[in-house]
Amino acid sequence: MTPEFLYKTAGYKKTLLKIFEITLFVAMVIWYSGYTYKRNNVWKDGVSIWSDAVNKSPSKARPHFALNPDFAIARSNLSITYNKKGMIKESVPIILISPNK
């Protein structure tokens, strides 16, 4: 093997690597663009955002409160009332269990 052959082979490998990098970058841009386009449906208004949050985290209180604050306040008030009457076993599940269960 002559040094010229090695130089030509290294140049060929660099070119292939550069083509691979560009192809990978373009594929990632296309992938994330499609994902972003799909997520735009979720971000179209506040109800769709919080509905998506409820679907992904049904046991968290904040999405439920954002979707229906009156219901969340009523659950909280009921739990507080139970707690004041000494009915702690009844008050805790009202706060911990989401409305979907």
Protein backbone atom coordinates (compact mmCIF):
# COMPACT_ATOMS: atom_id res chain seq x y z
CA MET A 1 0.00 0.00 0.00
CA THR A 2 1.26 3.36 -0.95
CA PRO A 3 0.59 6.50 1.06
CA GLU A 4 -1.37 7.92 -1.89
CA PHE A 5 -3.82 5.02 -1.72
CA LEU A 6 -4.34 5.58 2.00
CA TYR A 7 -4.88 9.29 1.43
CA LYS A 8 -7.51 8.59 -1.25
CA THR A 9 -9.27 6.02 0.96
CA ALA A 10 -9.35 8.42 3.93
CA GLY A 11 -10.85 11.13 1.72
CA TYR A 12 -13.52 8.70 0.49
CA LYS A 13 -14.38 7.72 4.06
CA LYS A 14 -14.65 11.38 5.09
CA THR A 15 -17.00 12.03 2.18
CA LEU A 16 -19.18 9.05 3.10
CA LEU A 17 -19.24 10.16 6.72
CA LYS A 18 -20.25 13.68 5.73
CA ILE A 19 -23.07 12.32 3.51
CA PHE A 20 -24.25 10.11 6.37
CA GLU A 21 -24.24 13.04 8.81
CA ILE A 22 -26.23 15.24 6.43
CA THR A 23 -28.72 12.45 5.74
CA LEU A 24 -29.16 11.78 9.46
CA PHE A 25 -29.65 15.49 10.15
CA VAL A 26 -32.29 15.83 7.40
CA ALA A 27 -34.09 12.71 8.67
CA MET A 28 -34.16 14.11 12.21
CA VAL A 29 -35.49 17.47 11.00
CA ILE A 30 -38.28 15.72 9.06
CA TRP A 31 -39.10 13.50 12.06
CA TYR A 32 -39.30 16.37 14.55
CA SER A 33 -41.22 18.56 12.11
CA GLY A 34 -43.88 15.88 11.82
CA TYR A 35 -44.00 15.46 15.58
CA THR A 36 -44.30 19.24 16.04
CA TYR A 37 -47.11 19.39 13.49
CA LYS A 38 -48.93 16.63 15.37
CA ARG A 39 -48.49 18.43 18.71
CA ASN A 40 -49.96 21.64 17.24
CA ASN A 41 -53.40 20.02 17.52
CA VAL A 42 -52.88 19.75 21.27
CA TRP A 43 -51.76 23.37 21.61
CA LYS A 44 -54.66 24.90 19.66
CA ASP A 45 -56.49 26.04 22.81
CA GLY A 46 -56.41 25.75 26.57
CA VAL A 47 -58.97 22.97 26.80
CA SER A 48 -57.03 20.68 24.47
CA ILE A 49 -53.78 21.33 26.34
CA TRP A 50 -55.25 20.50 29.73
CA SER A 51 -57.24 17.55 28.36
CA ASP A 52 -53.98 16.11 27.07
CA ALA A 53 -52.40 16.71 30.48
CA VAL A 54 -55.29 14.90 32.20
CA ASN A 55 -54.96 11.95 29.81
CA LYS A 56 -51.23 11.69 30.44
CA SER A 57 -51.37 12.30 34.22
CA PRO A 58 -54.82 11.39 35.50
CA SER A 59 -53.80 11.37 39.16
CA LYS A 60 -52.44 14.93 39.23
CA ALA A 61 -54.67 17.69 40.53
CA ARG A 62 -53.47 20.66 38.48
CA PRO A 63 -54.83 19.49 35.09
CA HIS A 64 -58.21 18.66 36.63
CA PHE A 65 -58.33 22.01 38.36
CA ALA A 66 -57.44 23.81 35.11
CA LEU A 67 -60.20 22.01 33.20
CA ASN A 68 -62.92 22.38 35.80
CA PRO A 69 -62.02 24.62 38.74
CA ASP A 70 -65.51 24.42 40.29
CA PHE A 71 -65.33 20.63 40.52
CA ALA A 72 -61.84 20.75 42.03
CA ILE A 73 -62.90 23.37 44.58
CA ALA A 74 -65.96 21.29 45.49
CA ARG A 75 -63.78 18.20 46.07
CA SER A 76 -61.39 20.24 48.18
CA ASN A 77 -64.22 21.73 50.23
CA LEU A 78 -65.77 18.31 50.79
CA SER A 79 -62.42 16.96 51.96
CA ILE A 80 -61.96 19.91 54.33
CA THR A 81 -65.45 19.39 55.74
CA TYR A 82 -64.76 15.70 56.36
CA ASN A 83 -61.47 16.61 57.97
CA LYS A 84 -63.12 19.16 60.31
CA LYS A 85 -65.64 16.53 61.40
CA GLY A 86 -62.80 14.14 62.21
CA MET A 87 -63.56 11.84 59.28
CA ILE A 88 -59.97 11.74 58.05
CA LYS A 89 -60.30 8.33 56.38
CA GLU A 90 -63.07 9.74 54.19
CA SER A 91 -61.32 13.03 53.41
CA VAL A 92 -58.01 11.73 52.11
CA PRO A 93 -59.33 9.65 49.16
CA ILE A 94 -61.36 12.60 47.86
CA ILE A 95 -58.17 14.58 47.35
CA LEU A 96 -55.96 11.69 46.22
CA ILE A 97 -58.31 10.04 43.73
CA SER A 98 -58.76 11.80 40.43
CA PRO A 99 -62.28 12.46 39.08
CA ASN A 100 -61.74 9.91 36.28
CA LYS A 101 -61.54 6.97 38.67
